[in-house]
Amino acid sequence: MTLLKLISCFFLSCLLSASVCAQETYTMENTKLIRGIRYDMQNRPLNGIVNVYYKTGELLLEMPYINGKANGIARGYRPNGSLFQEIRFKNSKEIKRHIYPSDKKFIL
């Protein structure tokens, strides 16, 4: 099989199973929390990233969800866009938190 065919097959499989290859992105306004599980507006448990924004429109928080529970690394940002904190979650329980000082330089 040629490389082009392999790449085409990969992209086709991604399109057919978007939950494996790409995550949905949500905002708090288009989700709801019921008994500790976060749902989309079609009452499906979230699988993707919930973004929270400052009133000015800048990104405040990225929170990953799997089956409606916070799972993975959530990232909080300052209004200037710099990384403020990272929090690791497993089944909606905080595992570890790291806060970054505002004067430290990062390569993201």
PDB file of N, CA and C in Angstrom:
ATOM      1  N   MET A   1       0.849  -1.171   0.000  1.00  0.00           N
ATOM      2  CA  MET A   1       0.000   0.000   0.000  1.00  0.00           C
ATOM      3  C   MET A   1       0.894   1.233   0.000  1.00  0.00           C
ATOM      4  N   THR A   2       0.565   2.184  -0.844  1.00  0.00           N
ATOM      5  CA  THR A   2       1.383   3.383  -0.931  1.00  0.00           C
ATOM      6  C   THR A   2       1.142   4.291   0.270  1.00  0.00           C
ATOM      7  N   LEU A   3       2.072   5.185   0.481  1.00  0.00           N
ATOM      8  CA  LEU A   3       1.969   6.127   1.585  1.00  0.00           C
ATOM      9  C   LEU A   3       0.719   6.986   1.445  1.00  0.00           C
ATOM     10  N   LEU A   4       0.407   7.413   0.226  1.00  0.00           N
ATOM     11  CA  LEU A   4      -0.777   8.232   0.001  1.00  0.00           C
ATOM     12  C   LEU A   4      -2.053   7.480   0.391  1.00  0.00           C
ATOM     13  N   LYS A   5      -2.124   6.197   0.065  1.00  0.00           N
ATOM     14  CA  LYS A   5      -3.297   5.396   0.431  1.00  0.00           C
ATOM     15  C   LYS A   5      -3.387   5.234   1.942  1.00  0.00           C
ATOM     16  N   LEU A   6      -2.241   5.047   2.596  1.00  0.00           N
ATOM     17  CA  LEU A   6      -2.240   4.929   4.058  1.00  0.00           C
ATOM     18  C   LEU A   6      -2.749   6.204   4.718  1.00  0.00           C
ATOM     19  N   ILE A   7      -2.261   7.337   4.227  1.00  0.00           N
ATOM     20  CA  ILE A   7      -2.692   8.624   4.783  1.00  0.00           C
ATOM     21  C   ILE A   7      -4.183   8.820   4.543  1.00  0.00           C
ATOM     22  N   SER A   8      -4.646   8.491   3.340  1.00  0.00           N
ATOM     23  CA  SER A   8      -6.076   8.625   3.024  1.00  0.00           C
ATOM     24  C   SER A   8      -6.918   7.746   3.931  1.00  0.00           C
ATOM     25  N   CYS A   9      -6.482   6.518   4.160  1.00  0.00           N
ATOM     26  CA  CYS A   9      -7.217   5.605   5.041  1.00  0.00           C
ATOM     27  C   CYS A   9      -7.256   6.148   6.467  1.00  0.00           C
ATOM     28  N   PHE A  10      -6.147   6.720   6.919  1.00  0.00           N
ATOM     29  CA  PHE A  10      -6.097   7.278   8.267  1.00  0.00           C
ATOM     30  C   PHE A  10      -7.096   8.416   8.417  1.00  0.00           C
ATOM     31  N   PHE A  11      -7.088   9.357   7.467  1.00  0.00           N
ATOM     32  CA  PHE A  11      -8.010  10.490   7.552  1.00  0.00           C
ATOM     33  C   PHE A  11      -9.460  10.051   7.432  1.00  0.00           C
ATOM     34  N   LEU A  12      -9.728   9.067   6.606  1.00  0.00           N
ATOM     35  CA  LEU A  12     -11.086   8.553   6.485  1.00  0.00           C
ATOM     36  C   LEU A  12     -11.535   7.924   7.799  1.00  0.00           C
ATOM     37  N   SER A  13     -10.655   7.151   8.438  1.00  0.00           N
ATOM     38  CA  SER A  13     -11.025   6.547   9.720  1.00  0.00           C
ATOM     39  C   SER A  13     -11.224   7.620  10.785  1.00  0.00           C
ATOM     40  N   CYS A  14     -10.472   8.720  10.699  1.00  0.00           N
ATOM     41  CA  CYS A  14     -10.667   9.826  11.642  1.00  0.00           C
ATOM     42  C   CYS A  14     -12.036  10.462  11.446  1.00  0.00           C
ATOM     43  N   LEU A  15     -12.426  10.631  10.216  1.00  0.00           N
ATOM     44  CA  LEU A  15     -13.734  11.220   9.952  1.00  0.00           C
ATOM     45  C   LEU A  15     -14.853  10.322  10.451  1.00  0.00           C
ATOM     46  N   LEU A  16     -14.678   9.023  10.329  1.00  0.00           N
ATOM     47  CA  LEU A  16     -15.706   8.085  10.751  1.00  0.00           C
ATOM     48  C   LEU A  16     -15.778   7.933  12.256  1.00  0.00           C
ATOM     49  N   SER A  17     -14.667   8.156  12.945  1.00  0.00           N
ATOM     50  CA  SER A  17     -14.660   8.056  14.410  1.00  0.00           C
ATOM     51  C   SER A  17     -14.027   9.302  14.993  1.00  0.00           C
ATOM     52  N   ALA A  18     -14.724  10.412  14.883  1.00  0.00           N
ATOM     53  CA  ALA A  18     -14.175  11.705  15.294  1.00  0.00           C
ATOM     54  C   ALA A  18     -13.795  11.745  16.762  1.00  0.00           C
ATOM     55  N   SER A  19     -14.450  10.957  17.601  1.00  0.00           N
ATOM     56  CA  SER A  19     -14.137  11.004  19.032  1.00  0.00           C
ATOM     57  C   SER A  19     -12.739  10.484  19.325  1.00  0.00           C
ATOM     58  N   VAL A  20     -12.192   9.663  18.436  1.00  0.00           N
ATOM     59  CA  VAL A  20     -10.843   9.138  18.640  1.00  0.00           C
ATOM     60  C   VAL A  20      -9.806  10.127  18.152  1.00  0.00           C
ATOM     61  N   CYS A  21     -10.063  10.781  17.038  1.00  0.00           N
ATOM     62  CA  CYS A  21      -9.065  11.631  16.401  1.00  0.00           C
ATOM     63  C   CYS A  21      -9.161  13.094  16.809  1.00  0.00           C
ATOM     64  N   ALA A  22     -10.340  13.557  17.148  1.00  0.00           N
ATOM     65  CA  ALA A  22     -10.516  14.959  17.516  1.00  0.00           C
ATOM     66  C   ALA A  22     -11.527  15.043  18.650  1.00  0.00           C
ATOM     67  N   GLN A  23     -11.328  16.025  19.488  1.00  0.00           N
ATOM     68  CA  GLN A  23     -12.243  16.204  20.595  1.00  0.00           C
ATOM     69  C   GLN A  23     -13.185  17.359  20.288  1.00  0.00           C
ATOM     70  N   GLU A  24     -14.390  17.259  20.815  1.00  0.00           N
ATOM     71  CA  GLU A  24     -15.336  18.362  20.722  1.00  0.00           C
ATOM     72  C   GLU A  24     -14.870  19.470  21.652  1.00  0.00           C
ATOM     73  N   THR A  25     -15.220  20.695  21.315  1.00  0.00           N
ATOM     74  CA  THR A  25     -14.929  21.827  22.170  1.00  0.00           C
ATOM     75  C   THR A  25     -16.248  22.448  22.589  1.00  0.00           C
ATOM     76  N   TYR A  26     -16.389  22.713  23.880  1.00  0.00           N
ATOM     77  CA  TYR A  26     -17.618  23.245  24.454  1.00  0.00           C
ATOM     78  C   TYR A  26     -17.302  24.499  25.259  1.00  0.00           C
ATOM     79  N   THR A  27     -18.342  25.236  25.624  1.00  0.00           N
ATOM     80  CA  THR A  27     -18.224  26.308  26.604  1.00  0.00           C
ATOM     81  C   THR A  27     -19.166  25.959  27.752  1.00  0.00           C
ATOM     82  N   MET A  28     -19.012  26.616  28.872  1.00  0.00           N
ATOM     83  CA  MET A  28     -19.883  26.343  30.012  1.00  0.00           C
ATOM     84  C   MET A  28     -21.348  26.613  29.653  1.00  0.00           C
ATOM     85  N   GLU A  29     -21.565  27.590  28.776  1.00  0.00           N
ATOM     86  CA  GLU A  29     -22.932  27.955  28.411  1.00  0.00           C
ATOM     87  C   GLU A  29     -23.651  26.849  27.640  1.00  0.00           C
ATOM     88  N   ASN A  30     -22.910  25.977  26.937  1.00  0.00           N
ATOM     89  CA  ASN A  30     -23.588  24.915  26.184  1.00  0.00           C
ATOM     90  C   ASN A  30     -23.384  23.538  26.812  1.00  0.00           C
ATOM     91  N   THR A  31     -23.189  23.535  28.145  1.00  0.00           N
ATOM     92  CA  THR A  31     -23.105  22.281  28.902  1.00  0.00           C
ATOM     93  C   THR A  31     -23.911  22.425  30.179  1.00  0.00           C
ATOM     94  N   LYS A  32     -24.166  21.304  30.828  1.00  0.00           N
ATOM     95  CA  LYS A  32     -24.843  21.337  32.125  1.00  0.00           C
ATOM     96  C   LYS A  32     -24.266  20.242  33.013  1.00  0.00           C
ATOM     97  N   LEU A  33     -24.265  20.501  34.311  1.00  0.00           N
ATOM     98  CA  LEU A  33     -23.734  19.571  35.297  1.00  0.00           C
ATOM     99  C   LEU A  33     -24.906  18.953  36.060  1.00  0.00           C
ATOM    100  N   ILE A  34     -25.022  17.631  35.986  1.00  0.00           N
ATOM    101  CA  ILE A  34     -26.091  16.914  36.684  1.00  0.00           C
ATOM    102  C   ILE A  34     -25.461  15.787  37.486  1.00  0.00           C
ATOM    103  N   ARG A  35     -25.596  15.864  38.811  1.00  0.00           N
ATOM    104  CA  ARG A  35     -25.060  14.846  39.729  1.00  0.00           C
ATOM    105  C   ARG A  35     -23.596  14.496  39.442  1.00  0.00           C
ATOM    106  N   GLY A  36     -22.786  15.524  39.235  1.00  0.00           N
ATOM    107  CA  GLY A  36     -21.348  15.325  39.057  1.00  0.00           C
ATOM    108  C   GLY A  36     -20.904  14.943  37.664  1.00  0.00           C
ATOM    109  N   ILE A  37     -21.831  14.830  36.722  1.00  0.00           N
ATOM    110  CA  ILE A  37     -21.494  14.498  35.332  1.00  0.00           C
ATOM    111  C   ILE A  37     -21.856  15.695  34.465  1.00  0.00           C
ATOM    112  N   ARG A  38     -20.930  16.117  33.602  1.00  0.00           N
ATOM    113  CA  ARG A  38     -21.189  17.241  32.705  1.00  0.00           C
ATOM    114  C   ARG A  38     -21.715  16.703  31.375  1.00  0.00           C
ATOM    115  N   TYR A  39     -22.828  17.292  30.919  1.00  0.00           N
ATOM    116  CA  TYR A  39     -23.513  16.865  29.699  1.00  0.00           C
ATOM    117  C   TYR A  39     -23.545  17.981  28.665  1.00  0.00           C
ATOM    118  N   ASP A  40     -23.652  17.585  27.387  1.00  0.00           N
ATOM    119  CA  ASP A  40     -23.890  18.576  26.343  1.00  0.00           C
ATOM    120  C   ASP A  40     -25.391  18.847  26.285  1.00  0.00           C
ATOM    121  N   MET A  41     -25.826  19.693  25.377  1.00  0.00           N
ATOM    122  CA  MET A  41     -27.239  20.079  25.319  1.00  0.00           C
ATOM    123  C   MET A  41     -28.146  18.966  24.786  1.00  0.00           C
ATOM    124  N   GLN A  42     -27.556  17.899  24.250  1.00  0.00           N
ATOM    125  CA  GLN A  42     -28.338  16.731  23.818  1.00  0.00           C
ATOM    126  C   GLN A  42     -28.328  15.636  24.888  1.00  0.00           C
ATOM    127  N   ASN A  43     -27.933  16.018  26.113  1.00  0.00           N
ATOM    128  CA  ASN A  43     -27.890  15.102  27.268  1.00  0.00           C
ATOM    129  C   ASN A  43     -26.925  13.946  27.092  1.00  0.00           C
ATOM    130  N   ARG A  44     -25.826  14.174  26.373  1.00  0.00           N
ATOM    131  CA  ARG A  44     -24.769  13.172  26.236  1.00  0.00           C
ATOM    132  C   ARG A  44     -23.607  13.580  27.141  1.00  0.00           C
ATOM    133  N   PRO A  45     -23.023  12.632  27.886  1.00  0.00           N
ATOM    134  CA  PRO A  45     -21.841  12.974  28.695  1.00  0.00           C
ATOM    135  C   PRO A  45     -20.735  13.534  27.798  1.00  0.00           C
ATOM    136  N   LEU A  46     -20.067  14.569  28.279  1.00  0.00           N
ATOM    137  CA  LEU A  46     -19.049  15.235  27.468  1.00  0.00           C
ATOM    138  C   LEU A  46     -17.831  14.351  27.239  1.00  0.00           C
ATOM    139  N   ASN A  47     -17.317  14.446  26.048  1.00  0.00           N
ATOM    140  CA  ASN A  47     -16.029  13.882  25.667  1.00  0.00           C
ATOM    141  C   ASN A  47     -15.339  14.960  24.858  1.00  0.00           C
ATOM    142  N   GLY A  48     -14.536  15.749  25.529  1.00  0.00           N
ATOM    143  CA  GLY A  48     -13.880  16.863  24.858  1.00  0.00           C
ATOM    144  C   GLY A  48     -13.406  17.893  25.851  1.00  0.00           C
ATOM    145  N   ILE A  49     -13.234  19.098  25.363  1.00  0.00           N
ATOM    146  CA  ILE A  49     -12.674  20.195  26.150  1.00  0.00           C
ATOM    147  C   ILE A  49     -13.749  21.248  26.390  1.00  0.00           C
ATOM    148  N   VAL A  50     -13.883  21.681  27.651  1.00  0.00           N
ATOM    149  CA  VAL A  50     -14.746  22.815  27.980  1.00  0.00           C
ATOM    150  C   VAL A  50     -13.838  24.018  28.158  1.00  0.00           C
ATOM    151  N   ASN A  51     -14.130  25.075  27.418  1.00  0.00           N
ATOM    152  CA  ASN A  51     -13.387  26.324  27.530  1.00  0.00           C
ATOM    153  C   ASN A  51     -14.208  27.338  28.298  1.00  0.00           C
ATOM    154  N   VAL A  52     -13.546  28.040  29.209  1.00  0.00           N
ATOM    155  CA  VAL A  52     -14.161  29.124  29.971  1.00  0.00           C
ATOM    156  C   VAL A  52     -13.387  30.385  29.608  1.00  0.00           C
ATOM    157  N   TYR A  53     -14.127  31.484  29.400  1.00  0.00           N
ATOM    158  CA  TYR A  53     -13.499  32.719  28.937  1.00  0.00           C
ATOM    159  C   TYR A  53     -13.714  33.852  29.938  1.00  0.00           C
ATOM    160  N   TYR A  54     -12.735  34.765  29.971  1.00  0.00           N
ATOM    161  CA  TYR A  54     -12.917  36.009  30.701  1.00  0.00           C
ATOM    162  C   TYR A  54     -14.004  36.817  29.999  1.00  0.00           C
ATOM    163  N   LYS A  55     -14.581  37.796  30.695  1.00  0.00           N
ATOM    164  CA  LYS A  55     -15.598  38.655  30.073  1.00  0.00           C
ATOM    165  C   LYS A  55     -15.056  39.376  28.846  1.00  0.00           C
ATOM    166  N   THR A  56     -13.750  39.580  28.816  1.00  0.00           N
ATOM    167  CA  THR A  56     -13.120  40.272  27.688  1.00  0.00           C
ATOM    168  C   THR A  56     -12.883  39.360  26.492  1.00  0.00           C
ATOM    169  N   GLY A  57     -13.144  38.047  26.658  1.00  0.00           N
ATOM    170  CA  GLY A  57     -13.020  37.115  25.539  1.00  0.00           C
ATOM    171  C   GLY A  57     -11.764  36.260  25.554  1.00  0.00           C
ATOM    172  N   GLU A  58     -10.801  36.577  26.402  1.00  0.00           N
ATOM    173  CA  GLU A  58      -9.590  35.767  26.480  1.00  0.00           C
ATOM    174  C   GLU A  58      -9.881  34.450  27.191  1.00  0.00           C
ATOM    175  N   LEU A  59      -9.131  33.433  26.813  1.00  0.00           N
ATOM    176  CA  LEU A  59      -9.298  32.108  27.412  1.00  0.00           C
ATOM    177  C   LEU A  59      -8.851  32.116  28.872  1.00  0.00           C
ATOM    178  N   LEU A  60      -9.716  31.651  29.753  1.00  0.00           N
ATOM    179  CA  LEU A  60      -9.422  31.544  31.183  1.00  0.00           C
ATOM    180  C   LEU A  60      -9.029  30.123  31.557  1.00  0.00           C
ATOM    181  N   LEU A  61      -9.771  29.119  31.029  1.00  0.00           N
ATOM    182  CA  LEU A  61      -9.591  27.739  31.464  1.00  0.00           C
ATOM    183  C   LEU A  61      -9.923  26.771  30.337  1.00  0.00           C
ATOM    184  N   GLU A  62      -9.123  25.718  30.226  1.00  0.00           N
ATOM    185  CA  GLU A  62      -9.410  24.576  29.357  1.00  0.00           C
ATOM    186  C   GLU A  62      -9.532  23.358  30.265  1.00  0.00           C
ATOM    187  N   MET A  63     -10.684  22.699  30.223  1.00  0.00           N
ATOM    188  CA  MET A  63     -10.930  21.556  31.107  1.00  0.00           C
ATOM    189  C   MET A  63     -11.308  20.339  30.262  1.00  0.00           C
ATOM    190  N   PRO A  64     -10.483  19.277  30.281  1.00  0.00           N
ATOM    191  CA  PRO A  64     -10.801  18.080  29.493  1.00  0.00           C
ATOM    192  C   PRO A  64     -11.791  17.158  30.213  1.00  0.00           C
ATOM    193  N   TYR A  65     -12.713  16.602  29.449  1.00  0.00           N
ATOM    194  CA  TYR A  65     -13.717  15.680  29.992  1.00  0.00           C
ATOM    195  C   TYR A  65     -13.730  14.380  29.206  1.00  0.00           C
ATOM    196  N   ILE A  66     -13.894  13.272  29.928  1.00  0.00           N
ATOM    197  CA  ILE A  66     -14.108  11.953  29.331  1.00  0.00           C
ATOM    198  C   ILE A  66     -15.313  11.356  30.038  1.00  0.00           C
ATOM    199  N   ASN A  67     -16.310  10.965  29.261  1.00  0.00           N
ATOM    200  CA  ASN A  67     -17.553  10.403  29.816  1.00  0.00           C
ATOM    201  C   ASN A  67     -18.169  11.301  30.882  1.00  0.00           C
ATOM    202  N   GLY A  68     -18.094  12.614  30.667  1.00  0.00           N
ATOM    203  CA  GLY A  68     -18.735  13.564  31.562  1.00  0.00           C
ATOM    204  C   GLY A  68     -17.967  13.933  32.808  1.00  0.00           C
ATOM    205  N   LYS A  69     -16.787  13.343  32.997  1.00  0.00           N
ATOM    206  CA  LYS A  69     -15.976  13.633  34.182  1.00  0.00           C
ATOM    207  C   LYS A  69     -14.679  14.306  33.765  1.00  0.00           C
ATOM    208  N   ALA A  70     -14.205  15.225  34.613  1.00  0.00           N
ATOM    209  CA  ALA A  70     -12.934  15.896  34.362  1.00  0.00           C
ATOM    210  C   ALA A  70     -11.818  14.852  34.408  1.00  0.00           C
ATOM    211  N   ASN A  71     -11.090  14.743  33.316  1.00  0.00           N
ATOM    212  CA  ASN A  71      -9.980  13.789  33.198  1.00  0.00           C
ATOM    213  C   ASN A  71      -8.884  14.411  32.355  1.00  0.00           C
ATOM    214  N   GLY A  72      -7.667  14.371  32.872  1.00  0.00           N
ATOM    215  CA  GLY A  72      -6.539  14.932  32.141  1.00  0.00           C
ATOM    216  C   GLY A  72      -6.050  16.202  32.803  1.00  0.00           C
ATOM    217  N   ILE A  73      -5.366  17.018  32.020  1.00  0.00           N
ATOM    218  CA  ILE A  73      -4.755  18.236  32.553  1.00  0.00           C
ATOM    219  C   ILE A  73      -5.579  19.449  32.149  1.00  0.00           C
ATOM    220  N   ALA A  74      -6.111  20.135  33.158  1.00  0.00           N
ATOM    221  CA  ALA A  74      -6.807  21.403  32.949  1.00  0.00           C
ATOM    222  C   ALA A  74      -5.764  22.505  33.015  1.00  0.00           C
ATOM    223  N   ARG A  75      -5.919  23.506  32.157  1.00  0.00           N
ATOM    224  CA  ARG A  75      -4.973  24.616  32.137  1.00  0.00           C
ATOM    225  C   ARG A  75      -5.705  25.928  32.351  1.00  0.00           C
ATOM    226  N   GLY A  76      -5.194  26.724  33.285  1.00  0.00           N
ATOM    227  CA  GLY A  76      -5.741  28.048  33.559  1.00  0.00           C
ATOM    228  C   GLY A  76      -4.782  29.105  33.055  1.00  0.00           C
ATOM    229  N   TYR A  77      -5.335  30.193  32.512  1.00  0.00           N
ATOM    230  CA  TYR A  77      -4.522  31.241  31.896  1.00  0.00           C
ATOM    231  C   TYR A  77      -4.820  32.595  32.519  1.00  0.00           C
ATOM    232  N   ARG A  78      -3.813  33.436  32.527  1.00  0.00           N
ATOM    233  CA  ARG A  78      -3.980  34.819  32.955  1.00  0.00           C
ATOM    234  C   ARG A  78      -4.633  35.606  31.809  1.00  0.00           C
ATOM    235  N   PRO A  79      -5.167  36.790  32.119  1.00  0.00           N
ATOM    236  CA  PRO A  79      -5.789  37.596  31.049  1.00  0.00           C
ATOM    237  C   PRO A  79      -4.845  37.926  29.894  1.00  0.00           C
ATOM    238  N   ASN A  80      -3.533  37.953  30.157  1.00  0.00           N
ATOM    239  CA  ASN A  80      -2.577  38.244  29.080  1.00  0.00           C
ATOM    240  C   ASN A  80      -2.238  37.000  28.253  1.00  0.00           C
ATOM    241  N   GLY A  81      -2.852  35.845  28.587  1.00  0.00           N
ATOM    242  CA  GLY A  81      -2.640  34.616  27.822  1.00  0.00           C
ATOM    243  C   GLY A  81      -1.556  33.709  28.366  1.00  0.00           C
ATOM    244  N   SER A  82      -0.811  34.149  29.376  1.00  0.00           N
ATOM    245  CA  SER A  82       0.249  33.305  29.931  1.00  0.00           C
ATOM    246  C   SER A  82      -0.356  32.215  30.820  1.00  0.00           C
ATOM    247  N   LEU A  83       0.316  31.092  30.872  1.00  0.00           N
ATOM    248  CA  LEU A  83      -0.142  29.951  31.659  1.00  0.00           C
ATOM    249  C   LEU A  83      -0.048  30.275  33.150  1.00  0.00           C
ATOM    250  N   PHE A  84      -1.155  30.076  33.861  1.00  0.00           N
ATOM    251  CA  PHE A  84      -1.215  30.349  35.291  1.00  0.00           C
ATOM    252  C   PHE A  84      -1.075  29.066  36.103  1.00  0.00           C
ATOM    253  N   GLN A  85      -1.839  28.010  35.720  1.00  0.00           N
ATOM    254  CA  GLN A  85      -1.791  26.766  36.476  1.00  0.00           C
ATOM    255  C   GLN A  85      -2.184  25.587  35.607  1.00  0.00           C
ATOM    256  N   GLU A  86      -1.733  24.416  36.044  1.00  0.00           N
ATOM    257  CA  GLU A  86      -2.147  23.155  35.451  1.00  0.00           C
ATOM    258  C   GLU A  86      -2.629  22.261  36.588  1.00  0.00           C
ATOM    259  N   ILE A  87      -3.780  21.636  36.364  1.00  0.00           N
ATOM    260  CA  ILE A  87      -4.357  20.754  37.378  1.00  0.00           C
ATOM    261  C   ILE A  87      -4.670  19.425  36.713  1.00  0.00           C
ATOM    262  N   ARG A  88      -4.131  18.354  37.276  1.00  0.00           N
ATOM    263  CA  ARG A  88      -4.400  17.013  36.746  1.00  0.00           C
ATOM    264  C   ARG A  88      -5.624  16.434  37.459  1.00  0.00           C
ATOM    265  N   PHE A  89      -6.593  15.971  36.643  1.00  0.00           N
ATOM    266  CA  PHE A  89      -7.812  15.361  37.166  1.00  0.00           C
ATOM    267  C   PHE A  89      -7.924  13.912  36.723  1.00  0.00           C
ATOM    268  N   LYS A  90      -8.526  13.110  37.587  1.00  0.00           N
ATOM    269  CA  LYS A  90      -8.889  11.742  37.237  1.00  0.00           C
ATOM    270  C   LYS A  90     -10.266  11.491  37.830  1.00  0.00           C
ATOM    271  N   ASN A  91     -11.232  11.182  36.971  1.00  0.00           N
ATOM    272  CA  ASN A  91     -12.622  10.980  37.408  1.00  0.00           C
ATOM    273  C   ASN A  91     -13.134  12.137  38.264  1.00  0.00           C
ATOM    274  N   SER A  92     -12.859  13.346  37.808  1.00  0.00           N
ATOM    275  CA  SER A  92     -13.288  14.603  38.451  1.00  0.00           C
ATOM    276  C   SER A  92     -12.655  14.862  39.805  1.00  0.00           C
ATOM    277  N   LYS A  93     -11.610  14.140  40.150  1.00  0.00           N
ATOM    278  CA  LYS A  93     -10.890  14.391  41.394  1.00  0.00           C
ATOM    279  C   LYS A  93      -9.527  14.993  41.066  1.00  0.00           C
ATOM    280  N   GLU A  94      -9.189  16.067  41.784  1.00  0.00           N
ATOM    281  CA  GLU A  94      -7.900  16.709  41.568  1.00  0.00           C
ATOM    282  C   GLU A  94      -6.783  15.800  42.075  1.00  0.00           C
ATOM    283  N   ILE A  95      -5.812  15.537  41.220  1.00  0.00           N
ATOM    284  CA  ILE A  95      -4.675  14.678  41.564  1.00  0.00           C
ATOM    285  C   ILE A  95      -3.451  15.524  41.921  1.00  0.00           C
ATOM    286  N   LYS A  96      -3.214  16.542  41.101  1.00  0.00           N
ATOM    287  CA  LYS A  96      -2.015  17.366  41.308  1.00  0.00           C
ATOM    288  C   LYS A  96      -2.264  18.749  40.727  1.00  0.00           C
ATOM    289  N   ARG A  97      -1.680  19.765  41.367  1.00  0.00           N
ATOM    290  CA  ARG A  97      -1.815  21.146  40.901  1.00  0.00           C
ATOM    291  C   ARG A  97      -0.434  21.779  40.838  1.00  0.00           C
ATOM    292  N   HIS A  98      -0.206  22.522  39.758  1.00  0.00           N
ATOM    293  CA  HIS A  98       1.051  23.261  39.635  1.00  0.00           C
ATOM    294  C   HIS A  98       0.710  24.689  39.231  1.00  0.00           C
ATOM    295  N   ILE A  99       1.179  25.651  40.028  1.00  0.00           N
ATOM    296  CA  ILE A  99       0.944  27.066  39.742  1.00  0.00           C
ATOM    297  C   ILE A  99       2.246  27.677  39.246  1.00  0.00           C
ATOM    298  N   TYR A 100       2.151  28.415  38.143  1.00  0.00           N
ATOM    299  CA  TYR A 100       3.326  29.032  37.536  1.00  0.00           C
ATOM    300  C   TYR A 100       3.416  30.497  37.939  1.00  0.00           C
ATOM    301  N   PRO A 101       4.598  30.949  38.357  1.00  0.00           N
ATOM    302  CA  PRO A 101       4.756  32.363  38.661  1.00  0.00           C
ATOM    303  C   PRO A 101       4.612  33.206  37.384  1.00  0.00           C
ATOM    304  N   SER A 102       4.163  34.427  37.553  1.00  0.00           N
ATOM    305  CA  SER A 102       3.887  35.256  36.374  1.00  0.00           C
ATOM    306  C   SER A 102       5.149  35.733  35.672  1.00  0.00           C
ATOM    307  N   ASP A 103       6.295  35.683  36.336  1.00  0.00           N
ATOM    308  CA  ASP A 103       7.517  36.173  35.732  1.00  0.00           C
ATOM    309  C   ASP A 103       8.329  35.071  35.029  1.00  0.00           C
ATOM    310  N   LYS A 104       7.878  33.830  35.072  1.00  0.00           N
ATOM    311  CA  LYS A 104       8.627  32.738  34.469  1.00  0.00           C
ATOM    312  C   LYS A 104       8.284  32.599  32.992  1.00  0.00           C
ATOM    313  N   LYS A 105       9.274  32.354  32.156  1.00  0.00           N
ATOM    314  CA  LYS A 105       9.095  32.206  30.714  1.00  0.00           C
ATOM    315  C   LYS A 105       8.823  30.742  30.393  1.00  0.00           C
ATOM    316  N   PHE A 106       7.937  30.517  29.426  1.00  0.00           N
ATOM    317  CA  PHE A 106       7.571  29.151  29.036  1.00  0.00           C
ATOM    318  C   PHE A 106       7.675  29.004  27.536  1.00  0.00           C
ATOM    319  N   ILE A 107       7.976  27.796  27.123  1.00  0.00           N
ATOM    320  CA  ILE A 107       7.896  27.414  25.724  1.00  0.00           C
ATOM    321  C   ILE A 107       6.759  26.419  25.622  1.00  0.00           C
ATOM    322  N   LEU A 108       5.666  26.820  25.006  1.00  0.00           N
ATOM    323  CA  LEU A 108       4.485  25.948  24.912  1.00  0.00           C
ATOM    324  C   LEU A 108       4.434  25.252  23.585  1.00  0.00           C
TER     325      LEU A 108
END
